[in-house]
Amino acid sequence: DFPETVLVSDAQPSAGKLTKLNYPKDHSTLNFKKRTFNWWLWDLHNDILNCAPKDVMVYYKLFFTCKEDMELVLSFAYDGPFKVWINGKQIFFDPNGTNPALEDMQIIPFSAKKDKYEVLMALGSNNGKAWGASFRIFRTDLNCLPKISV
């Protein structure tokens, strides 16, 4: 299942297609708030439209814990420029993300060690056309999933 609750930043100044966007060193300036969504897509379209005509970006953050080493696939959906870091290391970037966001549109294999992981995602507003993003995990070596939290 898709996690319904995620940490969401305030709208940030646009980073365009996120090409030069680096992992933010100080998360306190992003003013993350816990938000719950009732759909698989973490829909921020109304938030993004409220910033129009300015192009903006938002961050989503969550955590997952692996109680043992495991093989995973990380699944993302998004409809604007999109960048993902795990524990501060960039693992995915699509500067040309656009509508529509589709479930499991990007699948990334990930070998996880027994540890806690931070997932940080940046979504560009695509000049106000973006709706949001989503994330979920599939374990490929057993029928068991790590716990996701915020």
Protein backbone atom coordinates (compact mmCIF):
# COMPACT_ATOMS: atom_id res chain seq x y z
CA ASP A 1 0.00 0.00 0.00
CA PHE A 2 0.93 3.62 -0.38
CA PRO A 3 1.67 5.44 2.87
CA GLU A 4 -1.07 7.99 3.53
CA THR A 5 0.91 10.16 5.94
CA VAL A 6 4.08 11.95 4.90
CA LEU A 7 6.05 15.04 5.92
CA VAL A 8 5.56 17.90 3.45
CA SER A 9 7.61 21.11 3.27
CA ASP A 10 6.31 24.58 2.69
CA ALA A 11 6.45 25.68 -0.95
CA GLN A 12 10.04 26.56 -1.81
CA PRO A 13 11.41 28.88 -4.47
CA SER A 14 11.55 27.13 -7.81
CA ALA A 15 14.64 25.17 -8.75
CA GLY A 16 13.38 24.90 -12.33
CA LYS A 17 13.91 21.36 -13.58
CA LEU A 18 15.85 20.58 -10.34
CA THR A 19 19.04 20.01 -12.35
CA LYS A 20 21.30 21.87 -9.90
CA LEU A 21 19.26 21.06 -6.80
CA ASN A 22 21.41 19.43 -4.11
CA TYR A 23 20.32 17.60 -0.98
CA PRO A 24 19.37 20.34 1.52
CA LYS A 25 21.75 20.34 4.46
CA ASP A 26 19.38 22.17 6.83
CA HIS A 27 15.90 20.62 6.87
CA SER A 28 14.69 22.97 9.63
CA THR A 29 14.29 25.79 7.10
CA LEU A 30 11.89 23.65 5.04
CA ASN A 31 9.21 23.75 7.77
CA PHE A 32 8.02 20.14 7.34
CA LYS A 33 4.50 19.32 8.54
CA LYS A 34 2.85 15.94 8.81
CA ARG A 35 0.03 15.58 6.28
CA THR A 36 -2.39 12.75 5.63
CA PHE A 37 -3.81 12.09 2.18
CA ASN A 38 -6.80 9.89 1.35
CA TRP A 39 -5.55 8.78 -2.04
CA TRP A 40 -2.46 7.03 -3.40
CA LEU A 41 -1.18 10.37 -4.75
CA TRP A 42 0.02 12.94 -2.23
CA ASP A 43 -2.00 15.66 -3.93
CA LEU A 44 -0.65 19.19 -3.45
CA HIS A 45 -2.25 20.68 -6.55
CA ASN A 46 -4.28 23.24 -4.59
CA ASP A 47 -1.17 24.26 -2.61
CA ILE A 48 0.78 24.65 -5.84
CA LEU A 49 -2.02 26.63 -7.52
CA ASN A 50 -2.10 29.01 -4.55
CA CYS A 51 1.49 29.95 -5.45
CA ALA A 52 0.67 30.66 -9.11
CA PRO A 53 1.88 32.28 -11.24
CA LYS A 54 5.20 31.53 -9.49
CA ASP A 55 6.86 28.21 -10.25
CA VAL A 56 7.64 26.51 -6.90
CA MET A 57 8.81 23.19 -5.53
CA VAL A 58 7.96 21.05 -2.49
CA TYR A 59 9.72 18.33 -0.56
CA TYR A 60 8.17 15.12 0.74
CA LYS A 61 9.96 13.18 3.50
CA LEU A 62 9.41 9.84 5.16
CA PHE A 63 11.39 7.04 6.71
CA PHE A 64 11.50 3.28 6.47
CA THR A 65 13.23 0.75 8.69
CA CYS A 66 14.66 -2.59 7.64
CA LYS A 67 15.07 -5.07 10.47
CA GLU A 68 17.38 -7.18 8.31
CA ASP A 69 19.20 -6.99 4.97
CA MET A 70 16.71 -7.16 2.11
CA GLU A 71 16.23 -6.59 -1.60
CA LEU A 72 13.61 -3.96 -2.42
CA VAL A 73 12.14 -2.05 -5.28
CA LEU A 74 11.19 1.55 -4.61
CA SER A 75 8.20 2.73 -6.59
CA PHE A 76 7.50 6.38 -7.40
CA ALA A 77 4.89 8.43 -9.22
CA TYR A 78 5.19 12.16 -9.96
CA ASP A 79 4.05 14.75 -12.48
CA GLY A 80 6.71 17.43 -12.39
CA PRO A 81 10.50 17.53 -12.27
CA PHE A 82 11.41 14.99 -9.56
CA LYS A 83 14.50 14.12 -7.54
CA VAL A 84 14.94 11.49 -4.80
CA TRP A 85 17.60 11.02 -2.13
CA ILE A 86 17.99 8.13 0.32
CA ASN A 87 20.02 9.03 3.40
CA GLY A 88 21.29 12.10 1.54
CA LYS A 89 22.48 10.22 -1.57
CA GLN A 90 20.70 10.95 -4.86
CA ILE A 91 19.16 7.77 -6.28
CA PHE A 92 16.82 9.15 -8.96
CA PHE A 93 16.27 12.25 -11.08
CA ASP A 94 13.80 13.08 -13.85
CA PRO A 95 14.00 16.73 -14.96
CA ASN A 96 11.17 16.22 -17.45
CA GLY A 97 8.47 14.69 -15.24
CA THR A 98 5.02 15.73 -16.39
CA ASN A 99 1.34 14.78 -16.20
CA PRO A 100 -0.05 12.32 -15.61
CA ALA A 101 1.42 10.73 -12.50
CA LEU A 102 0.84 6.98 -12.76
CA GLU A 103 1.15 4.36 -10.04
CA ASP A 104 4.54 2.62 -10.14
CA MET A 105 5.72 4.70 -13.10
CA GLN A 106 9.31 4.53 -11.86
CA ILE A 107 10.70 1.39 -10.21
CA ILE A 108 14.20 1.44 -8.71
CA PRO A 109 15.95 -1.66 -7.30
CA PHE A 110 17.45 -1.03 -3.87
CA SER A 111 19.64 -3.30 -1.72
CA ALA A 112 18.91 -2.38 1.88
CA LYS A 113 20.96 -3.22 4.93
CA LYS A 114 19.54 -3.53 8.42
CA ASP A 115 19.10 0.18 9.10
CA LYS A 116 16.77 3.18 9.15
CA TYR A 117 16.39 5.13 5.91
CA GLU A 118 15.29 8.67 5.16
CA VAL A 119 13.61 9.22 1.79
CA LEU A 120 13.55 12.84 0.61
CA MET A 121 11.73 13.69 -2.63
CA ALA A 122 11.67 17.06 -4.40
CA LEU A 123 8.82 17.85 -6.79
CA GLY A 124 8.90 20.87 -9.07
CA SER A 125 5.48 22.41 -9.69
CA ASN A 126 5.84 22.15 -13.47
CA ASN A 127 4.65 25.78 -13.73
CA GLY A 128 1.51 24.94 -11.72
CA LYS A 129 0.58 21.78 -13.64
CA ALA A 130 1.92 19.28 -11.08
CA TRP A 131 -0.48 17.52 -8.72
CA GLY A 132 1.86 15.51 -6.51
CA ALA A 133 3.91 12.39 -5.96
CA SER A 134 3.73 9.00 -4.29
CA PHE A 135 6.05 6.30 -3.01
CA ARG A 136 5.81 2.69 -1.95
CA ILE A 137 8.15 -0.27 -1.36
CA PHE A 138 8.06 -3.85 -2.54
CA ARG A 139 10.33 -6.46 -1.03
CA THR A 140 11.57 -8.83 -3.70
CA ASP A 141 13.40 -11.47 -1.65
CA LEU A 142 10.53 -12.31 0.78
CA ASN A 143 6.85 -11.54 1.17
CA CYS A 144 7.46 -8.94 3.89
CA LEU A 145 7.69 -5.12 3.88
CA PRO A 146 9.71 -2.68 5.96
CA LYS A 147 7.82 -0.31 8.24
CA ILE A 148 7.26 3.22 6.83
CA SER A 149 6.83 6.14 9.21
CA VAL A 150 7.06 9.92 9.43
